[in-house]
Structure formats: C-alpha cells, structure tokens
Amino acid sequence: MEEEPEQEEGAPLWLTSFSDMVLLLLCFFVLLLSFARTDTAVFHSALGSVRQALGAAQQAPREPLPSPAQQAQAEEQEQARSLRARMVEQVEQFLSERGLRAQIEVAPDERGIILRTRDRILFDSGEARLKTEGLPVLAAVGDLARRFHGQLAVEGHTDDRPIMTELFPSNWELSGARSAAVLRHLLDAGIAAERVHVAGYAERRPIASNDSEEGRARNRRVEFVFEPERAADAETVFDP
C-alpha cells in the first residue's frame, strides 16, 4: 500500500478573513483622514456626488453671506434708486403742470436725473443762439434748479454730421457754445454760478443711432443733469 505524500500545512482559514477585515478598516480610516484634510468646498462636492449616486436630491450650494460692507453698499444703492424714482416723479409732475411734458424727456441716471430737450426747441440747426420758443423750457429748468439741493450740469450734444463754419469749425465748438448760452441764461435768471457746470460732448455720447433722421434728432440735444447731494433726503431734494 502506497503512502500519501506529506503536504505542508497552510495558514488557517480564519486568518485570511481577519486580514481582509483589517485591510478594510485601514482603508476606512485613510478615507476619514482624507476627508479631514479636504477643504469644505471639495468635501461638499464629493458629498453631493455621493448623494446623487444614492438617488437623493442634490442640494444647491449655499451662497456666502454678504459682508457688512457689501450690505451697506447694497442699501446705499437701493436708497439711490429710490431717490431717483422720486425725483423723476416730482419733475414729471412739475413739467405736466407747466404744459412742457411733451417737450422734455425725463430719465433716471447714475448721477441723478436727466432732462433732455427735444430737437430744435432751444436752437436752430447749426446755431447757438437761444430761440424764443425755448425760453419757457429754460424758465422751468431755472425754477427747478432754484428748488433743487445739489449740482446742475448743462451738457450739449450733436449728431455725427460734421459742421464747418466760421463760428463753429467742428461739433465740439457748437456743442460747447450751446451749453455756454444756456448757462448764461440761467445765471441771468439768478442761478448761483457755483451750483452749475457745463460741458460740450459733440457727437461722442449718442443716445440713438445716427443712421436715421429720427436717431440724429434724438442725439441733437441739451441735457440738464440734476445731481443731488449724497446726504440729501429723498423728500427734500426739491423744495416745495
């Protein structure tokens, strides 16, 4: 009878299971350590991916809370918008009472509000001499300026068609001369000189396309920019 060859004894079966468990525990603790060293944004991103993979609804990341400086800036901007809206309402009502609402466009602006004269109300084409028909408009602007707490900017604008005359070699001279003519009239009406400043922008700041006559007519304008004092209260920008 032949003898069976001797076999070397191997590791017990329980040791294999134990090794697997230890390896899994090691991986688990390594994973925890990696989470502990990951910044918050990456962690939430990974957590969201896990939730989505498990079928849960992924929550949108929370917006960071604004700083006190940002909150103060937002409140200041909201107060400025409210102030401009009240100014526009007051001026439109004032112009309607004067029967000038159709001749003057009122628009809010970052600096305050803008009053824009319609085409050729104050000046004839290529001229810087005030027209008699435009004097009621300037009288209304003067009354508003006297009641206003802040600065008034008078700004002349033209379309893009060139002008070359003895008095006005270019649109720069024409727009500047028109602003100066309006300024002189307001000063003669009693507006304090330190509260008014003027500028001429020629065709450089259009508000419409110069490709049509309608657009060019909108660009030929004089703007009155009422710039309120920063500390002015919305209820007292214009005296009653």
C-alpha atoms as a PDB file:
ATOM      1  CA  MET A   1       0.000   0.000   0.000  1.00  0.00           C
ATOM      2  CA  GLU A   2       1.491   3.315  -1.119  1.00  0.00           C
ATOM      3  CA  GLU A   3       1.837   6.123   1.402  1.00  0.00           C
ATOM      4  CA  GLU A   4       0.326   9.570   0.576  1.00  0.00           C
ATOM      5  CA  PRO A   5       2.910  12.304   0.200  1.00  0.00           C
ATOM      6  CA  GLU A   6       3.150  14.696   3.071  1.00  0.00           C
ATOM      7  CA  GLN A   7       1.510  18.164   2.497  1.00  0.00           C
ATOM      8  CA  GLU A   8       2.745  21.353   4.018  1.00  0.00           C
ATOM      9  CA  GLU A   9       0.282  22.966   6.377  1.00  0.00           C
ATOM     10  CA  GLY A  10      -1.032  26.430   5.169  1.00  0.00           C
ATOM     11  CA  ALA A  11      -2.375  29.412   7.086  1.00  0.00           C
ATOM     12  CA  PRO A  12      -5.663  28.834   8.886  1.00  0.00           C
ATOM     13  CA  LEU A  13      -8.790  29.974   7.018  1.00  0.00           C
ATOM     14  CA  TRP A  14      -9.776  32.452   9.761  1.00  0.00           C
ATOM     15  CA  LEU A  15      -6.532  34.362   9.278  1.00  0.00           C
ATOM     16  CA  THR A  16      -7.463  35.226   5.686  1.00  0.00           C
ATOM     17  CA  SER A  17     -10.810  36.669   6.780  1.00  0.00           C
ATOM     18  CA  PHE A  18      -9.129  38.590   9.573  1.00  0.00           C
ATOM     19  CA  SER A  19      -6.580  40.098   7.141  1.00  0.00           C
ATOM     20  CA  ASP A  20      -9.386  41.242   4.836  1.00  0.00           C
ATOM     21  CA  MET A  21     -11.182  42.917   7.737  1.00  0.00           C
ATOM     22  CA  VAL A  22      -8.020  44.719   8.872  1.00  0.00           C
ATOM     23  CA  LEU A  23      -7.391  45.933   5.315  1.00  0.00           C
ATOM     24  CA  LEU A  24     -10.930  47.279   5.055  1.00  0.00           C
ATOM     25  CA  LEU A  25     -10.579  49.083   8.383  1.00  0.00           C
ATOM     26  CA  LEU A  26      -7.304  50.619   7.212  1.00  0.00           C
ATOM     27  CA  CYS A  27      -8.952  51.887   4.008  1.00  0.00           C
ATOM     28  CA  PHE A  28     -11.833  53.305   6.043  1.00  0.00           C
ATOM     29  CA  PHE A  29      -9.528  55.275   8.350  1.00  0.00           C
ATOM     30  CA  VAL A  30      -7.474  56.529   5.398  1.00  0.00           C
ATOM     31  CA  LEU A  31     -10.705  57.743   3.829  1.00  0.00           C
ATOM     32  CA  LEU A  32     -11.686  59.541   7.047  1.00  0.00           C
ATOM     33  CA  LEU A  33      -8.260  61.153   7.205  1.00  0.00           C
ATOM     34  CA  SER A  34      -8.511  62.374   3.629  1.00  0.00           C
ATOM     35  CA  PHE A  35     -11.910  63.945   4.393  1.00  0.00           C
ATOM     36  CA  ALA A  36     -10.438  65.650   7.450  1.00  0.00           C
ATOM     37  CA  ARG A  37      -7.753  67.308   5.274  1.00  0.00           C
ATOM     38  CA  THR A  38     -10.033  68.274   2.383  1.00  0.00           C
ATOM     39  CA  ASP A  39     -11.317  71.810   2.210  1.00  0.00           C
ATOM     40  CA  THR A  40     -15.023  72.394   2.718  1.00  0.00           C
ATOM     41  CA  ALA A  41     -15.875  73.068  -0.917  1.00  0.00           C
ATOM     42  CA  VAL A  42     -14.313  69.816  -2.143  1.00  0.00           C
ATOM     43  CA  PHE A  43     -15.939  67.864   0.671  1.00  0.00           C
ATOM     44  CA  HIS A  44     -19.417  69.198  -0.142  1.00  0.00           C
ATOM     45  CA  SER A  45     -18.841  68.488  -3.812  1.00  0.00           C
ATOM     46  CA  ALA A  46     -17.887  64.885  -3.049  1.00  0.00           C
ATOM     47  CA  LEU A  47     -20.807  64.561  -0.644  1.00  0.00           C
ATOM     48  CA  GLY A  48     -23.197  65.824  -3.306  1.00  0.00           C
ATOM     49  CA  SER A  49     -21.874  63.280  -5.788  1.00  0.00           C
ATOM     50  CA  VAL A  50     -22.417  60.502  -3.268  1.00  0.00           C
ATOM     51  CA  ARG A  51     -25.971  61.675  -2.574  1.00  0.00           C
ATOM     52  CA  GLN A  52     -26.737  61.848  -6.281  1.00  0.00           C
ATOM     53  CA  ALA A  53     -25.327  58.376  -6.791  1.00  0.00           C
ATOM     54  CA  LEU A  54     -27.564  57.093  -3.988  1.00  0.00           C
ATOM     55  CA  GLY A  55     -30.636  58.702  -5.594  1.00  0.00           C
ATOM     56  CA  ALA A  56     -31.021  61.641  -3.206  1.00  0.00           C
ATOM     57  CA  ALA A  57     -31.717  65.158  -4.445  1.00  0.00           C
ATOM     58  CA  GLN A  58     -28.567  67.211  -4.592  1.00  0.00           C
ATOM     59  CA  GLN A  59     -28.857  70.481  -2.688  1.00  0.00           C
ATOM     60  CA  ALA A  60     -27.658  73.677  -4.285  1.00  0.00           C
ATOM     61  CA  PRO A  61     -24.578  75.169  -2.619  1.00  0.00           C
ATOM     62  CA  ARG A  62     -25.379  77.967  -0.231  1.00  0.00           C
ATOM     63  CA  GLU A  63     -24.443  81.469  -1.244  1.00  0.00           C
ATOM     64  CA  PRO A  64     -21.965  83.105   1.114  1.00  0.00           C
ATOM     65  CA  LEU A  65     -23.475  85.727   3.369  1.00  0.00           C
ATOM     66  CA  PRO A  66     -22.639  89.305   2.332  1.00  0.00           C
ATOM     67  CA  SER A  67     -20.157  91.193   4.445  1.00  0.00           C
ATOM     68  CA  PRO A  68     -21.257  94.278   6.408  1.00  0.00           C
ATOM     69  CA  ALA A  69     -19.552  96.468   3.804  1.00  0.00           C
ATOM     70  CA  GLN A  70     -21.434  94.736   0.986  1.00  0.00           C
ATOM     71  CA  GLN A  71     -24.720  95.081   2.869  1.00  0.00           C
ATOM     72  CA  ALA A  72     -24.079  98.789   3.411  1.00  0.00           C
ATOM     73  CA  GLN A  73     -23.250  99.241  -0.282  1.00  0.00           C
ATOM     74  CA  ALA A  74     -26.412  97.412  -1.346  1.00  0.00           C
ATOM     75  CA  GLU A  75     -28.522  99.577   0.968  1.00  0.00           C
ATOM     76  CA  GLU A  76     -26.895 102.729  -0.393  1.00  0.00           C
ATOM     77  CA  GLN A  77     -27.597 101.649  -3.986  1.00  0.00           C
ATOM     78  CA  GLU A  78     -31.221 100.884  -3.141  1.00  0.00           C
ATOM     79  CA  GLN A  79     -31.628 104.289  -1.486  1.00  0.00           C
ATOM     80  CA  ALA A  80     -30.127 105.943  -4.571  1.00  0.00           C
ATOM     81  CA  ARG A  81     -32.579 104.108  -6.863  1.00  0.00           C
ATOM     82  CA  SER A  82     -35.476 105.133  -4.643  1.00  0.00           C
ATOM     83  CA  LEU A  83     -34.250 108.730  -4.631  1.00  0.00           C
ATOM     84  CA  ARG A  84     -34.012 108.842  -8.439  1.00  0.00           C
ATOM     85  CA  ALA A  85     -37.501 107.366  -8.804  1.00  0.00           C
ATOM     86  CA  ARG A  86     -38.975 110.042  -6.522  1.00  0.00           C
ATOM     87  CA  MET A  87     -37.086 112.786  -8.336  1.00  0.00           C
ATOM     88  CA  VAL A  88     -38.412 111.615 -11.708  1.00  0.00           C
ATOM     89  CA  GLU A  89     -41.954 111.541 -10.349  1.00  0.00           C
ATOM     90  CA  GLN A  90     -41.653 115.055  -8.896  1.00  0.00           C
ATOM     91  CA  VAL A  91     -40.130 116.521 -12.063  1.00  0.00           C
ATOM     92  CA  GLU A  92     -42.651 114.884 -14.400  1.00  0.00           C
ATOM     93  CA  GLN A  93     -45.494 116.268 -12.301  1.00  0.00           C
ATOM     94  CA  PHE A  94     -43.878 119.726 -12.320  1.00  0.00           C
ATOM     95  CA  LEU A  95     -43.463 119.690 -16.120  1.00  0.00           C
ATOM     96  CA  SER A  96     -47.026 118.449 -16.645  1.00  0.00           C
ATOM     97  CA  GLU A  97     -48.331 121.384 -14.621  1.00  0.00           C
ATOM     98  CA  ARG A  98     -46.313 123.711 -16.874  1.00  0.00           C
ATOM     99  CA  GLY A  99     -47.563 122.044 -20.060  1.00  0.00           C
ATOM    100  CA  LEU A 100     -43.998 121.045 -21.018  1.00  0.00           C
ATOM    101  CA  ARG A 101     -44.160 117.295 -20.588  1.00  0.00           C
ATOM    102  CA  ALA A 102     -44.119 116.650 -24.358  1.00  0.00           C
ATOM    103  CA  GLN A 103     -41.080 118.878 -24.924  1.00  0.00           C
ATOM    104  CA  ILE A 104     -38.758 117.453 -22.264  1.00  0.00           C
ATOM    105  CA  GLU A 105     -37.718 113.840 -21.702  1.00  0.00           C
ATOM    106  CA  VAL A 106     -37.029 112.846 -18.081  1.00  0.00           C
ATOM    107  CA  ALA A 107     -34.794 109.843 -17.365  1.00  0.00           C
ATOM    108  CA  PRO A 108     -33.029 108.441 -14.275  1.00  0.00           C
ATOM    109  CA  ASP A 109     -29.238 108.360 -14.325  1.00  0.00           C
ATOM    110  CA  GLU A 110     -26.461 107.206 -12.000  1.00  0.00           C
ATOM    111  CA  ARG A 111     -25.690 110.859 -11.294  1.00  0.00           C
ATOM    112  CA  GLY A 112     -29.331 111.731 -10.528  1.00  0.00           C
ATOM    113  CA  ILE A 113     -31.900 112.542 -13.219  1.00  0.00           C
ATOM    114  CA  ILE A 114     -31.584 113.956 -16.737  1.00  0.00           C
ATOM    115  CA  LEU A 115     -33.894 116.399 -18.513  1.00  0.00           C
ATOM    116  CA  ARG A 116     -33.431 116.212 -22.304  1.00  0.00           C
ATOM    117  CA  THR A 117     -34.836 118.871 -24.604  1.00  0.00           C
ATOM    118  CA  ARG A 118     -36.473 117.745 -27.816  1.00  0.00           C
ATOM    119  CA  ASP A 119     -34.812 118.523 -31.149  1.00  0.00           C
ATOM    120  CA  ARG A 120     -34.569 122.217 -32.124  1.00  0.00           C
ATOM    121  CA  ILE A 121     -36.562 123.513 -29.160  1.00  0.00           C
ATOM    122  CA  LEU A 122     -33.704 125.664 -27.885  1.00  0.00           C
ATOM    123  CA  PHE A 123     -31.611 126.185 -31.052  1.00  0.00           C
ATOM    124  CA  ASP A 124     -31.946 126.207 -34.814  1.00  0.00           C
ATOM    125  CA  SER A 125     -29.769 123.844 -36.822  1.00  0.00           C
ATOM    126  CA  GLY A 126     -26.101 124.832 -36.680  1.00  0.00           C
ATOM    127  CA  GLU A 127     -26.823 127.770 -34.356  1.00  0.00           C
ATOM    128  CA  ALA A 128     -26.014 128.569 -30.724  1.00  0.00           C
ATOM    129  CA  ARG A 129     -28.464 131.452 -30.251  1.00  0.00           C
ATOM    130  CA  LEU A 130     -31.380 130.617 -27.977  1.00  0.00           C
ATOM    131  CA  LYS A 131     -34.803 130.573 -29.629  1.00  0.00           C
ATOM    132  CA  THR A 132     -37.714 132.474 -28.133  1.00  0.00           C
ATOM    133  CA  GLU A 133     -39.798 129.291 -28.262  1.00  0.00           C
ATOM    134  CA  GLY A 134     -37.342 127.599 -25.915  1.00  0.00           C
ATOM    135  CA  LEU A 135     -37.478 130.209 -23.150  1.00  0.00           C
ATOM    136  CA  PRO A 136     -40.397 128.538 -21.275  1.00  0.00           C
ATOM    137  CA  VAL A 137     -38.301 125.368 -21.105  1.00  0.00           C
ATOM    138  CA  LEU A 138     -35.358 127.264 -19.622  1.00  0.00           C
ATOM    139  CA  ALA A 139     -37.683 129.058 -17.205  1.00  0.00           C
ATOM    140  CA  ALA A 140     -38.935 125.698 -15.944  1.00  0.00           C
ATOM    141  CA  VAL A 141     -35.366 124.379 -15.614  1.00  0.00           C
ATOM    142  CA  GLY A 142     -34.415 127.530 -13.712  1.00  0.00           C
ATOM    143  CA  ASP A 143     -37.338 127.116 -11.305  1.00  0.00           C
ATOM    144  CA  LEU A 144     -36.361 123.507 -10.683  1.00  0.00           C
ATOM    145  CA  ALA A 145     -32.715 124.493 -10.154  1.00  0.00           C
ATOM    146  CA  ARG A 146     -33.683 127.088  -7.549  1.00  0.00           C
ATOM    147  CA  ARG A 147     -35.658 124.451  -5.626  1.00  0.00           C
ATOM    148  CA  PHE A 148     -33.007 121.776  -6.045  1.00  0.00           C
ATOM    149  CA  HIS A 149     -30.432 120.678  -3.452  1.00  0.00           C
ATOM    150  CA  GLY A 150     -27.352 119.733  -5.446  1.00  0.00           C
ATOM    151  CA  GLN A 151     -25.422 120.496  -8.641  1.00  0.00           C
ATOM    152  CA  LEU A 152     -26.772 121.119 -12.135  1.00  0.00           C
ATOM    153  CA  ALA A 153     -24.770 120.077 -15.206  1.00  0.00           C
ATOM    154  CA  VAL A 154     -25.629 121.575 -18.613  1.00  0.00           C
ATOM    155  CA  GLU A 155     -24.344 119.345 -21.424  1.00  0.00           C
ATOM    156  CA  GLY A 156     -24.554 119.985 -25.166  1.00  0.00           C
ATOM    157  CA  HIS A 157     -24.672 117.167 -27.754  1.00  0.00           C
ATOM    158  CA  THR A 158     -24.856 116.967 -31.569  1.00  0.00           C
ATOM    159  CA  ASP A 159     -25.348 114.285 -34.189  1.00  0.00           C
ATOM    160  CA  ASP A 160     -22.423 112.925 -36.199  1.00  0.00           C
ATOM    161  CA  ARG A 161     -22.799 115.144 -39.248  1.00  0.00           C
ATOM    162  CA  PRO A 162     -19.787 117.480 -39.466  1.00  0.00           C
ATOM    163  CA  ILE A 163     -20.104 121.238 -39.314  1.00  0.00           C
ATOM    164  CA  MET A 164     -17.501 123.675 -40.596  1.00  0.00           C
ATOM    165  CA  THR A 165     -18.449 127.329 -40.330  1.00  0.00           C
ATOM    166  CA  GLU A 166     -16.589 130.481 -39.362  1.00  0.00           C
ATOM    167  CA  LEU A 167     -18.084 130.369 -35.849  1.00  0.00           C
ATOM    168  CA  PHE A 168     -18.048 126.603 -35.388  1.00  0.00           C
ATOM    169  CA  PRO A 169     -15.190 124.725 -37.072  1.00  0.00           C
ATOM    170  CA  SER A 170     -16.498 121.452 -35.601  1.00  0.00           C
ATOM    171  CA  ASN A 171     -19.260 119.966 -33.462  1.00  0.00           C
ATOM    172  CA  TRP A 172     -17.081 120.469 -30.391  1.00  0.00           C
ATOM    173  CA  GLU A 173     -17.348 124.249 -30.689  1.00  0.00           C
ATOM    174  CA  LEU A 174     -21.062 124.054 -31.489  1.00  0.00           C
ATOM    175  CA  SER A 175     -21.969 121.852 -28.509  1.00  0.00           C
ATOM    176  CA  GLY A 176     -19.797 123.931 -26.171  1.00  0.00           C
ATOM    177  CA  ALA A 177     -21.300 127.212 -27.399  1.00  0.00           C
ATOM    178  CA  ARG A 178     -24.824 125.917 -26.853  1.00  0.00           C
ATOM    179  CA  SER A 179     -24.020 124.843 -23.304  1.00  0.00           C
ATOM    180  CA  ALA A 180     -22.484 128.237 -22.605  1.00  0.00           C
ATOM    181  CA  ALA A 181     -25.542 130.043 -23.998  1.00  0.00           C
ATOM    182  CA  VAL A 182     -27.825 128.063 -21.698  1.00  0.00           C
ATOM    183  CA  LEU A 183     -25.504 128.730 -18.755  1.00  0.00           C
ATOM    184  CA  ARG A 184     -25.550 132.475 -19.364  1.00  0.00           C
ATOM    185  CA  HIS A 185     -29.338 132.460 -19.443  1.00  0.00           C
ATOM    186  CA  LEU A 186     -29.577 130.521 -16.163  1.00  0.00           C
ATOM    187  CA  LEU A 187     -27.071 132.825 -14.452  1.00  0.00           C
ATOM    188  CA  ASP A 188     -29.061 135.868 -15.619  1.00  0.00           C
ATOM    189  CA  ALA A 189     -32.143 134.190 -14.112  1.00  0.00           C
ATOM    190  CA  GLY A 190     -30.476 134.108 -10.695  1.00  0.00           C
ATOM    191  CA  ILE A 191     -28.994 130.592 -10.513  1.00  0.00           C
ATOM    192  CA  ALA A 192     -25.832 130.584  -8.388  1.00  0.00           C
ATOM    193  CA  ALA A 193     -22.742 130.083 -10.550  1.00  0.00           C
ATOM    194  CA  GLU A 194     -21.129 127.678  -8.074  1.00  0.00           C
ATOM    195  CA  ARG A 195     -24.037 125.263  -8.495  1.00  0.00           C
ATOM    196  CA  VAL A 196     -23.815 124.943 -12.292  1.00  0.00           C
ATOM    197  CA  HIS A 197     -21.170 123.469 -14.606  1.00  0.00           C
ATOM    198  CA  VAL A 198     -21.219 122.956 -18.352  1.00  0.00           C
ATOM    199  CA  ALA A 199     -19.741 120.622 -20.952  1.00  0.00           C
ATOM    200  CA  GLY A 200     -19.904 120.049 -24.688  1.00  0.00           C
ATOM    201  CA  TYR A 201     -19.562 116.487 -25.996  1.00  0.00           C
ATOM    202  CA  ALA A 202     -20.169 116.983 -29.744  1.00  0.00           C
ATOM    203  CA  GLU A 203     -21.269 113.631 -31.232  1.00  0.00           C
ATOM    204  CA  ARG A 204     -19.297 111.492 -28.746  1.00  0.00           C
ATOM    205  CA  ARG A 205     -22.213 110.456 -26.499  1.00  0.00           C
ATOM    206  CA  PRO A 206     -25.129 109.444 -28.738  1.00  0.00           C
ATOM    207  CA  ILE A 207     -28.319 108.019 -27.236  1.00  0.00           C
ATOM    208  CA  ALA A 208     -29.600 106.715 -30.581  1.00  0.00           C
ATOM    209  CA  SER A 209     -28.231 105.533 -33.911  1.00  0.00           C
ATOM    210  CA  ASN A 210     -27.078 108.203 -36.337  1.00  0.00           C
ATOM    211  CA  ASP A 211     -28.152 106.006 -39.263  1.00  0.00           C
ATOM    212  CA  SER A 212     -31.636 107.549 -39.361  1.00  0.00           C
ATOM    213  CA  GLU A 213     -33.028 111.077 -39.174  1.00  0.00           C
ATOM    214  CA  GLU A 214     -35.045 110.124 -36.110  1.00  0.00           C
ATOM    215  CA  GLY A 215     -31.897 108.912 -34.332  1.00  0.00           C
ATOM    216  CA  ARG A 216     -29.924 112.015 -35.300  1.00  0.00           C
ATOM    217  CA  ALA A 217     -32.761 114.189 -33.993  1.00  0.00           C
ATOM    218  CA  ARG A 218     -32.562 112.455 -30.609  1.00  0.00           C
ATOM    219  CA  ASN A 219     -28.805 112.965 -30.476  1.00  0.00           C
ATOM    220  CA  ARG A 220     -29.122 116.728 -31.109  1.00  0.00           C
ATOM    221  CA  ARG A 221     -29.997 117.771 -27.592  1.00  0.00           C
ATOM    222  CA  VAL A 222     -29.149 119.726 -24.473  1.00  0.00           C
ATOM    223  CA  GLU A 223     -29.206 117.743 -21.245  1.00  0.00           C
ATOM    224  CA  PHE A 224     -29.783 119.139 -17.757  1.00  0.00           C
ATOM    225  CA  VAL A 225     -28.361 116.707 -15.211  1.00  0.00           C
ATOM    226  CA  PHE A 226     -29.621 117.251 -11.657  1.00  0.00           C
ATOM    227  CA  GLU A 227     -27.021 115.752  -9.338  1.00  0.00           C
ATOM    228  CA  PRO A 228     -28.360 115.505  -5.750  1.00  0.00           C
ATOM    229  CA  GLU A 229     -26.177 115.828  -2.700  1.00  0.00           C
ATOM    230  CA  ARG A 230     -25.257 112.417  -1.315  1.00  0.00           C
ATOM    231  CA  ALA A 231     -26.634 113.291   2.111  1.00  0.00           C
ATOM    232  CA  ALA A 232     -29.848 114.756   0.736  1.00  0.00           C
ATOM    233  CA  ASP A 233     -33.072 113.147   1.880  1.00  0.00           C
ATOM    234  CA  ALA A 234     -35.425 111.921  -0.836  1.00  0.00           C
ATOM    235  CA  GLU A 235     -38.245 114.084   0.479  1.00  0.00           C
ATOM    236  CA  THR A 236     -36.245 117.333   0.405  1.00  0.00           C
ATOM    237  CA  VAL A 237     -34.307 117.120  -2.876  1.00  0.00           C
ATOM    238  CA  PHE A 238     -36.737 119.677  -4.323  1.00  0.00           C
ATOM    239  CA  ASP A 239     -38.200 122.318  -2.045  1.00  0.00           C
ATOM    240  CA  PRO A 240     -41.994 122.549  -2.263  1.00  0.00           C
END
